[in-house]
PDB file of all heavy atoms in Angstrom:
ATOM      1  N   SER A   1       6.760   6.918  -3.667  1.00  0.00           N
ATOM      2  CA  SER A   1       6.743   8.301  -4.135  1.00  0.00           C
ATOM      3  C   SER A   1       6.872   8.320  -5.653  1.00  0.00           C
ATOM      4  O   SER A   1       7.171   7.302  -6.275  1.00  0.00           O
ATOM      5  CB  SER A   1       7.873   9.110  -3.484  1.00  0.00           C
ATOM      6  OG  SER A   1       9.130   8.495  -3.736  1.00  0.00           O
ATOM      7  N   GLY A   2       6.655   9.517  -6.235  1.00  0.00           N
ATOM      8  CA  GLY A   2       6.718   9.597  -7.682  1.00  0.00           C
ATOM      9  C   GLY A   2       6.967  11.015  -8.168  1.00  0.00           C
ATOM     10  O   GLY A   2       6.737  11.992  -7.448  1.00  0.00           O
ATOM     11  N   SER A   3       7.458  11.121  -9.400  1.00  0.00           N
ATOM     12  CA  SER A   3       7.669  12.404 -10.070  1.00  0.00           C
ATOM     13  C   SER A   3       6.646  12.508 -11.181  1.00  0.00           C
ATOM     14  O   SER A   3       6.572  11.634 -12.053  1.00  0.00           O
ATOM     15  CB  SER A   3       9.082  12.474 -10.656  1.00  0.00           C
ATOM     16  OG  SER A   3      10.063  12.372  -9.649  1.00  0.00           O
ATOM     17  N   VAL A   4       5.853  13.593 -11.164  1.00  0.00           N
ATOM     18  CA  VAL A   4       4.714  13.656 -12.073  1.00  0.00           C
ATOM     19  C   VAL A   4       4.514  15.072 -12.587  1.00  0.00           C
ATOM     20  O   VAL A   4       4.903  16.059 -11.941  1.00  0.00           O
ATOM     21  CB  VAL A   4       3.440  13.149 -11.351  1.00  0.00           C
ATOM     22  CG1 VAL A   4       3.006  14.115 -10.274  1.00  0.00           C
ATOM     23  CG2 VAL A   4       2.309  12.885 -12.326  1.00  0.00           C
ATOM     24  N   ASP A   5       3.893  15.173 -13.736  1.00  0.00           N
ATOM     25  CA  ASP A   5       3.509  16.447 -14.330  1.00  0.00           C
ATOM     26  C   ASP A   5       2.423  17.091 -13.471  1.00  0.00           C
ATOM     27  O   ASP A   5       1.364  16.508 -13.245  1.00  0.00           O
ATOM     28  CB  ASP A   5       2.981  16.167 -15.744  1.00  0.00           C
ATOM     29  CG  ASP A   5       2.649  17.411 -16.533  1.00  0.00           C
ATOM     30  OD1 ASP A   5       2.009  18.323 -15.986  1.00  0.00           O
ATOM     31  OD2 ASP A   5       3.003  17.461 -17.731  1.00  0.00           O
ATOM     32  N   GLY A   6       2.684  18.303 -12.983  1.00  0.00           N
ATOM     33  CA  GLY A   6       1.716  18.975 -12.121  1.00  0.00           C
ATOM     34  C   GLY A   6       0.403  19.265 -12.813  1.00  0.00           C
ATOM     35  O   GLY A   6      -0.669  19.226 -12.188  1.00  0.00           O
ATOM     36  N   TYR A   7       0.464  19.551 -14.106  1.00  0.00           N
ATOM     37  CA  TYR A   7      -0.752  19.784 -14.891  1.00  0.00           C
ATOM     38  C   TYR A   7      -1.632  18.544 -14.887  1.00  0.00           C
ATOM     39  O   TYR A   7      -2.847  18.620 -14.661  1.00  0.00           O
ATOM     40  CB  TYR A   7      -0.352  20.192 -16.311  1.00  0.00           C
ATOM     41  CG  TYR A   7      -1.345  19.857 -17.392  1.00  0.00           C
ATOM     42  CD1 TYR A   7      -2.550  20.565 -17.520  1.00  0.00           C
ATOM     43  CD2 TYR A   7      -1.076  18.852 -18.324  1.00  0.00           C
ATOM     44  CE1 TYR A   7      -3.446  20.266 -18.534  1.00  0.00           C
ATOM     45  CE2 TYR A   7      -1.972  18.555 -19.335  1.00  0.00           C
ATOM     46  CZ  TYR A   7      -3.151  19.262 -19.438  1.00  0.00           C
ATOM     47  OH  TYR A   7      -4.041  18.951 -20.444  1.00  0.00           O
ATOM     48  N   VAL A   8      -1.034  17.390 -15.121  1.00  0.00           N
ATOM     49  CA  VAL A   8      -1.803  16.146 -15.148  1.00  0.00           C
ATOM     50  C   VAL A   8      -2.389  15.862 -13.770  1.00  0.00           C
ATOM     51  O   VAL A   8      -3.560  15.485 -13.651  1.00  0.00           O
ATOM     52  CB  VAL A   8      -0.921  14.965 -15.618  1.00  0.00           C
ATOM     53  CG1 VAL A   8      -1.688  13.649 -15.495  1.00  0.00           C
ATOM     54  CG2 VAL A   8      -0.461  15.170 -17.063  1.00  0.00           C
ATOM     55  N   TRP A   9      -1.598  16.065 -12.713  1.00  0.00           N
ATOM     56  CA  TRP A   9      -2.096  15.818 -11.359  1.00  0.00           C
ATOM     57  C   TRP A   9      -3.281  16.722 -11.047  1.00  0.00           C
ATOM     58  O   TRP A   9      -4.294  16.268 -10.494  1.00  0.00           O
ATOM     59  CB  TRP A   9      -0.966  16.052 -10.351  1.00  0.00           C
ATOM     60  CG  TRP A   9      -1.256  15.592  -8.941  1.00  0.00           C
ATOM     61  CD1 TRP A   9      -0.988  14.363  -8.411  1.00  0.00           C
ATOM     62  CD2 TRP A   9      -1.867  16.359  -7.892  1.00  0.00           C
ATOM     63  NE1 TRP A   9      -1.392  14.312  -7.092  1.00  0.00           N
ATOM     64  CE2 TRP A   9      -1.933  15.525  -6.741  1.00  0.00           C
ATOM     65  CE3 TRP A   9      -2.362  17.662  -7.801  1.00  0.00           C
ATOM     66  CZ2 TRP A   9      -2.474  15.953  -5.531  1.00  0.00           C
ATOM     67  CZ3 TRP A   9      -2.907  18.097  -6.592  1.00  0.00           C
ATOM     68  CH2 TRP A   9      -2.958  17.246  -5.475  1.00  0.00           C
ATOM     69  N   GLU A  10      -3.193  17.994 -11.418  1.00  0.00           N
ATOM     70  CA  GLU A  10      -4.269  18.944 -11.140  1.00  0.00           C
ATOM     71  C   GLU A  10      -5.525  18.637 -11.952  1.00  0.00           C
ATOM     72  O   GLU A  10      -6.653  18.751 -11.435  1.00  0.00           O
ATOM     73  CB  GLU A  10      -3.795  20.375 -11.421  1.00  0.00           C
ATOM     74  CG  GLU A  10      -2.680  20.870 -10.516  1.00  0.00           C
ATOM     75  CD  GLU A  10      -3.134  21.103  -9.076  1.00  0.00           C
ATOM     76  OE1 GLU A  10      -4.339  21.035  -8.796  1.00  0.00           O
ATOM     77  OE2 GLU A  10      -2.249  21.353  -8.211  1.00  0.00           O
ATOM     78  N   VAL A  11      -5.350  18.238 -13.203  1.00  0.00           N
ATOM     79  CA  VAL A  11      -6.512  17.892 -14.031  1.00  0.00           C
ATOM     80  C   VAL A  11      -7.189  16.642 -13.482  1.00  0.00           C
ATOM     81  O   VAL A  11      -8.418  16.578 -13.370  1.00  0.00           O
ATOM     82  CB  VAL A  11      -6.110  17.683 -15.506  1.00  0.00           C
ATOM     83  CG1 VAL A  11      -7.280  17.108 -16.304  1.00  0.00           C
ATOM     84  CG2 VAL A  11      -5.665  19.010 -16.125  1.00  0.00           C
ATOM     85  N   LEU A  12      -6.402  15.643 -13.110  1.00  0.00           N
ATOM     86  CA  LEU A  12      -6.979  14.414 -12.564  1.00  0.00           C
ATOM     87  C   LEU A  12      -7.604  14.652 -11.186  1.00  0.00           C
ATOM     88  O   LEU A  12      -8.538  13.947 -10.798  1.00  0.00           O
ATOM     89  CB  LEU A  12      -5.912  13.323 -12.468  1.00  0.00           C
ATOM     90  CG  LEU A  12      -5.521  12.676 -13.796  1.00  0.00           C
ATOM     91  CD1 LEU A  12      -4.378  11.686 -13.593  1.00  0.00           C
ATOM     92  CD2 LEU A  12      -6.709  11.978 -14.433  1.00  0.00           C
ATOM     93  N   LYS A  13      -7.109  15.631 -10.469  1.00  0.00           N
ATOM     94  CA  LYS A  13      -7.730  15.992  -9.199  1.00  0.00           C
ATOM     95  C   LYS A  13      -9.172  16.415  -9.419  1.00  0.00           C
ATOM     96  O   LYS A  13     -10.055  16.186  -8.577  1.00  0.00           O
ATOM     97  CB  LYS A  13      -6.941  17.133  -8.549  1.00  0.00           C
ATOM     98  CG  LYS A  13      -7.439  17.552  -7.177  1.00  0.00           C
ATOM     99  CD  LYS A  13      -6.586  18.686  -6.616  1.00  0.00           C
ATOM    100  CE  LYS A  13      -7.091  19.143  -5.266  1.00  0.00           C
ATOM    101  NZ  LYS A  13      -6.271  20.276  -4.729  1.00  0.00           N
ATOM    102  N   GLU A  14      -9.429  16.999 -10.586  1.00  0.00           N
ATOM    103  CA  GLU A  14     -10.781  17.426 -10.940  1.00  0.00           C
ATOM    104  C   GLU A  14     -11.590  16.303 -11.570  1.00  0.00           C
ATOM    105  O   GLU A  14     -12.769  16.126 -11.255  1.00  0.00           O
ATOM    106  CB  GLU A  14     -10.691  18.603 -11.919  1.00  0.00           C
ATOM    107  CG  GLU A  14     -12.035  19.104 -12.420  1.00  0.00           C
ATOM    108  CD  GLU A  14     -11.889  20.200 -13.462  1.00  0.00           C
ATOM    109  OE1 GLU A  14     -10.786  20.755 -13.608  1.00  0.00           O
ATOM    110  OE2 GLU A  14     -12.894  20.494 -14.142  1.00  0.00           O
ATOM    111  N   THR A  15     -10.957  15.530 -12.453  1.00  0.00           N
ATOM    112  CA  THR A  15     -11.696  14.524 -13.216  1.00  0.00           C
ATOM    113  C   THR A  15     -11.710  13.141 -12.571  1.00  0.00           C
ATOM    114  O   THR A  15     -12.589  12.340 -12.848  1.00  0.00           O
ATOM    115  CB  THR A  15     -11.117  14.399 -14.636  1.00  0.00           C
ATOM    116  OG1 THR A  15      -9.739  13.952 -14.556  1.00  0.00           O
ATOM    117  CG2 THR A  15     -11.165  15.732 -15.372  1.00  0.00           C
ATOM    118  N   ASP A  16     -10.730  12.845 -11.731  1.00  0.00           N
ATOM    119  CA  ASP A  16     -10.659  11.543 -11.057  1.00  0.00           C
ATOM    120  C   ASP A  16     -10.236  11.762  -9.603  1.00  0.00           C
ATOM    121  O   ASP A  16      -9.160  11.317  -9.184  1.00  0.00           O
ATOM    122  CB  ASP A  16      -9.662  10.632 -11.785  1.00  0.00           C
ATOM    123  CG  ASP A  16      -9.788   9.174 -11.365  1.00  0.00           C
ATOM    124  OD1 ASP A  16     -10.545   8.891 -10.407  1.00  0.00           O
ATOM    125  OD2 ASP A  16      -9.130   8.320 -11.991  1.00  0.00           O
ATOM    126  N   PRO A  17     -11.068  12.461  -8.832  1.00  0.00           N
ATOM    127  CA  PRO A  17     -10.689  12.842  -7.465  1.00  0.00           C
ATOM    128  C   PRO A  17     -10.435  11.653  -6.540  1.00  0.00           C
ATOM    129  O   PRO A  17      -9.619  11.760  -5.622  1.00  0.00           O
ATOM    130  CB  PRO A  17     -11.877  13.681  -6.992  1.00  0.00           C
ATOM    131  CG  PRO A  17     -13.031  13.255  -7.853  1.00  0.00           C
ATOM    132  CD  PRO A  17     -12.417  12.948  -9.187  1.00  0.00           C
ATOM    133  N   ASP A  18     -11.123  10.547  -6.754  1.00  0.00           N
ATOM    134  CA  ASP A  18     -10.914   9.384  -5.885  1.00  0.00           C
ATOM    135  C   ASP A  18      -9.478   8.878  -5.993  1.00  0.00           C
ATOM    136  O   ASP A  18      -8.881   8.465  -4.984  1.00  0.00           O
ATOM    137  CB  ASP A  18     -11.887   8.260  -6.267  1.00  0.00           C
ATOM    138  CG  ASP A  18     -13.316   8.583  -5.873  1.00  0.00           C
ATOM    139  OD1 ASP A  18     -13.507   9.476  -5.026  1.00  0.00           O
ATOM    140  OD2 ASP A  18     -14.248   7.947  -6.417  1.00  0.00           O
ATOM    141  N   LEU A  19      -8.937   8.887  -7.215  1.00  0.00           N
ATOM    142  CA  LEU A  19      -7.558   8.449  -7.413  1.00  0.00           C
ATOM    143  C   LEU A  19      -6.569   9.434  -6.787  1.00  0.00           C
ATOM    144  O   LEU A  19      -5.716   9.048  -5.980  1.00  0.00           O
ATOM    145  CB  LEU A  19      -7.257   8.315  -8.910  1.00  0.00           C
ATOM    146  CG  LEU A  19      -5.797   8.044  -9.279  1.00  0.00           C
ATOM    147  CD1 LEU A  19      -5.354   6.681  -8.772  1.00  0.00           C
ATOM    148  CD2 LEU A  19      -5.588   8.152 -10.792  1.00  0.00           C
ATOM    149  N   VAL A  20      -6.694  10.694  -7.130  1.00  0.00           N
ATOM    150  CA  VAL A  20      -5.725  11.699  -6.702  1.00  0.00           C
ATOM    151  C   VAL A  20      -5.783  11.930  -5.196  1.00  0.00           C
ATOM    152  O   VAL A  20      -4.766  12.259  -4.569  1.00  0.00           O
ATOM    153  CB  VAL A  20      -5.945  13.019  -7.473  1.00  0.00           C
ATOM    154  CG1 VAL A  20      -5.018  14.118  -6.958  1.00  0.00           C
ATOM    155  CG2 VAL A  20      -5.701  12.795  -8.961  1.00  0.00           C
ATOM    156  N   SER A  21      -6.946  11.745  -4.581  1.00  0.00           N
ATOM    157  CA  SER A  21      -7.071  11.954  -3.130  1.00  0.00           C
ATOM    158  C   SER A  21      -6.220  10.983  -2.325  1.00  0.00           C
ATOM    159  O   SER A  21      -5.955  11.215  -1.143  1.00  0.00           O
ATOM    160  CB  SER A  21      -8.535  11.829  -2.703  1.00  0.00           C
ATOM    161  OG  SER A  21      -9.001  10.492  -2.875  1.00  0.00           O
ATOM    162  N   LYS A  22      -5.766   9.918  -2.958  1.00  0.00           N
ATOM    163  CA  LYS A  22      -4.905   8.943  -2.280  1.00  0.00           C
ATOM    164  C   LYS A  22      -3.439   9.374  -2.310  1.00  0.00           C
ATOM    165  O   LYS A  22      -2.566   8.665  -1.810  1.00  0.00           O
ATOM    166  CB  LYS A  22      -5.064   7.563  -2.919  1.00  0.00           C
ATOM    167  CG  LYS A  22      -6.455   6.956  -2.769  1.00  0.00           C
ATOM    168  CD  LYS A  22      -6.516   5.584  -3.420  1.00  0.00           C
ATOM    169  CE  LYS A  22      -7.865   4.906  -3.204  1.00  0.00           C
ATOM    170  NZ  LYS A  22      -8.962   5.614  -3.905  1.00  0.00           N
ATOM    171  N   THR A  23      -3.170  10.517  -2.939  1.00  0.00           N
ATOM    172  CA  THR A  23      -1.802  11.042  -3.012  1.00  0.00           C
ATOM    173  C   THR A  23      -1.774  12.473  -2.480  1.00  0.00           C
ATOM    174  O   THR A  23      -2.810  13.108  -2.314  1.00  0.00           O
ATOM    175  CB  THR A  23      -1.289  11.033  -4.466  1.00  0.00           C
ATOM    176  OG1 THR A  23      -1.957  12.057  -5.226  1.00  0.00           O
ATOM    177  CG2 THR A  23      -1.520   9.691  -5.128  1.00  0.00           C
ATOM    178  N   LYS A  24      -0.554  12.953  -2.238  1.00  0.00           N
ATOM    179  CA  LYS A  24      -0.394  14.354  -1.846  1.00  0.00           C
ATOM    180  C   LYS A  24       0.898  14.885  -2.461  1.00  0.00           C
ATOM    181  O   LYS A  24       1.823  14.125  -2.788  1.00  0.00           O
ATOM    182  CB  LYS A  24      -0.363  14.509  -0.331  1.00  0.00           C
ATOM    183  CG  LYS A  24       0.886  13.980   0.343  1.00  0.00           C
ATOM    184  CD  LYS A  24       0.846  14.280   1.845  1.00  0.00           C
ATOM    185  CE  LYS A  24       2.118  13.819   2.542  1.00  0.00           C
ATOM    186  NZ  LYS A  24       2.085  14.117   3.996  1.00  0.00           N
ATOM    187  N   VAL A  25       0.960  16.209  -2.608  1.00  0.00           N
ATOM    188  CA  VAL A  25       2.138  16.847  -3.184  1.00  0.00           C
ATOM    189  C   VAL A  25       3.138  17.157  -2.067  1.00  0.00           C
ATOM    190  O   VAL A  25       2.817  17.850  -1.099  1.00  0.00           O
ATOM    191  CB  VAL A  25       1.759  18.154  -3.919  1.00  0.00           C
ATOM    192  CG1 VAL A  25       3.013  18.840  -4.449  1.00  0.00           C
ATOM    193  CG2 VAL A  25       0.783  17.854  -5.049  1.00  0.00           C
ATOM    194  N   VAL A  26       4.331  16.628  -2.215  1.00  0.00           N
ATOM    195  CA  VAL A  26       5.407  16.881  -1.251  1.00  0.00           C
ATOM    196  C   VAL A  26       6.192  18.127  -1.648  1.00  0.00           C
ATOM    197  O   VAL A  26       6.601  18.918  -0.792  1.00  0.00           O
ATOM    198  CB  VAL A  26       6.365  15.667  -1.183  1.00  0.00           C
ATOM    199  CG1 VAL A  26       7.541  15.956  -0.240  1.00  0.00           C
ATOM    200  CG2 VAL A  26       5.618  14.413  -0.742  1.00  0.00           C
ATOM    201  N   ARG A  27       6.367  18.320  -2.946  1.00  0.00           N
ATOM    202  CA  ARG A  27       7.121  19.482  -3.431  1.00  0.00           C
ATOM    203  C   ARG A  27       6.662  19.861  -4.828  1.00  0.00           C
ATOM    204  O   ARG A  27       6.422  19.006  -5.674  1.00  0.00           O
ATOM    205  CB  ARG A  27       8.613  19.172  -3.469  1.00  0.00           C
ATOM    206  CG  ARG A  27       9.479  20.331  -3.984  1.00  0.00           C
ATOM    207  CD  ARG A  27      10.925  19.923  -4.147  1.00  0.00           C
ATOM    208  NE  ARG A  27      11.764  21.048  -4.559  1.00  0.00           N
ATOM    209  CZ  ARG A  27      11.962  21.411  -5.832  1.00  0.00           C
ATOM    210  NH1 ARG A  27      11.368  20.740  -6.808  1.00  0.00           N
ATOM    211  NH2 ARG A  27      12.749  22.436  -6.123  1.00  0.00           N
ATOM    212  N   LYS A  28       6.543  21.161  -5.049  1.00  0.00           N
ATOM    213  CA  LYS A  28       6.289  21.695  -6.383  1.00  0.00           C
ATOM    214  C   LYS A  28       7.556  22.386  -6.880  1.00  0.00           C
ATOM    215  O   LYS A  28       8.195  23.129  -6.133  1.00  0.00           O
ATOM    216  CB  LYS A  28       5.138  22.709  -6.353  1.00  0.00           C
ATOM    217  CG  LYS A  28       3.792  22.109  -5.978  1.00  0.00           C
ATOM    218  CD  LYS A  28       2.692  23.176  -6.028  1.00  0.00           C
ATOM    219  CE  LYS A  28       1.338  22.580  -5.652  1.00  0.00           C
ATOM    220  NZ  LYS A  28       0.250  23.606  -5.712  1.00  0.00           N
ATOM    221  N   SER A  29       7.885  22.146  -8.128  1.00  0.00           N
ATOM    222  CA  SER A  29       9.089  22.746  -8.694  1.00  0.00           C
ATOM    223  C   SER A  29       8.851  24.194  -9.099  1.00  0.00           C
ATOM    224  O   SER A  29       7.739  24.724  -8.979  1.00  0.00           O
ATOM    225  CB  SER A  29       9.528  21.953  -9.932  1.00  0.00           C
ATOM    226  OG  SER A  29       8.654  22.241 -11.025  1.00  0.00           O
ATOM    227  N   GLU A  30       9.887  24.827  -9.619  1.00  0.00           N
ATOM    228  CA  GLU A  30       9.733  26.119 -10.267  1.00  0.00           C
ATOM    229  C   GLU A  30       8.921  25.918 -11.554  1.00  0.00           C
ATOM    230  O   GLU A  30       8.659  24.791 -11.965  1.00  0.00           O
ATOM    231  CB  GLU A  30      11.104  26.733 -10.586  1.00  0.00           C
ATOM    232  CG  GLU A  30      11.937  25.960 -11.593  1.00  0.00           C
ATOM    233  CD  GLU A  30      12.808  24.876 -10.991  1.00  0.00           C
ATOM    234  OE1 GLU A  30      12.391  24.215 -10.011  1.00  0.00           O
ATOM    235  OE2 GLU A  30      13.907  24.667 -11.525  1.00  0.00           O
ATOM    236  N   TRP A  31       8.562  27.006 -12.201  1.00  0.00           N
ATOM    237  CA  TRP A  31       7.757  26.918 -13.412  1.00  0.00           C
ATOM    238  C   TRP A  31       8.637  26.665 -14.631  1.00  0.00           C
ATOM    239  O   TRP A  31       9.722  27.230 -14.759  1.00  0.00           O
ATOM    240  CB  TRP A  31       6.961  28.208 -13.615  1.00  0.00           C
ATOM    241  CG  TRP A  31       5.922  28.427 -12.556  1.00  0.00           C
ATOM    242  CD1 TRP A  31       6.051  29.164 -11.411  1.00  0.00           C
ATOM    243  CD2 TRP A  31       4.600  27.869 -12.529  1.00  0.00           C
ATOM    244  NE1 TRP A  31       4.896  29.112 -10.668  1.00  0.00           N
ATOM    245  CE2 TRP A  31       3.980  28.328 -11.321  1.00  0.00           C
ATOM    246  CE3 TRP A  31       3.872  27.056 -13.395  1.00  0.00           C
ATOM    247  CZ2 TRP A  31       2.676  27.991 -10.975  1.00  0.00           C
ATOM    248  CZ3 TRP A  31       2.577  26.710 -13.042  1.00  0.00           C
ATOM    249  CH2 TRP A  31       1.999  27.167 -11.860  1.00  0.00           C
TER     250      TRP A  31
END
């Protein structure tokens, strides 16, 4: 598991979908 910047994860979901598709979000924090 890992703790990551949601902005970076969302951008990479668009630009590097093959990488991000191997992960999933377990929890999103408050803003």
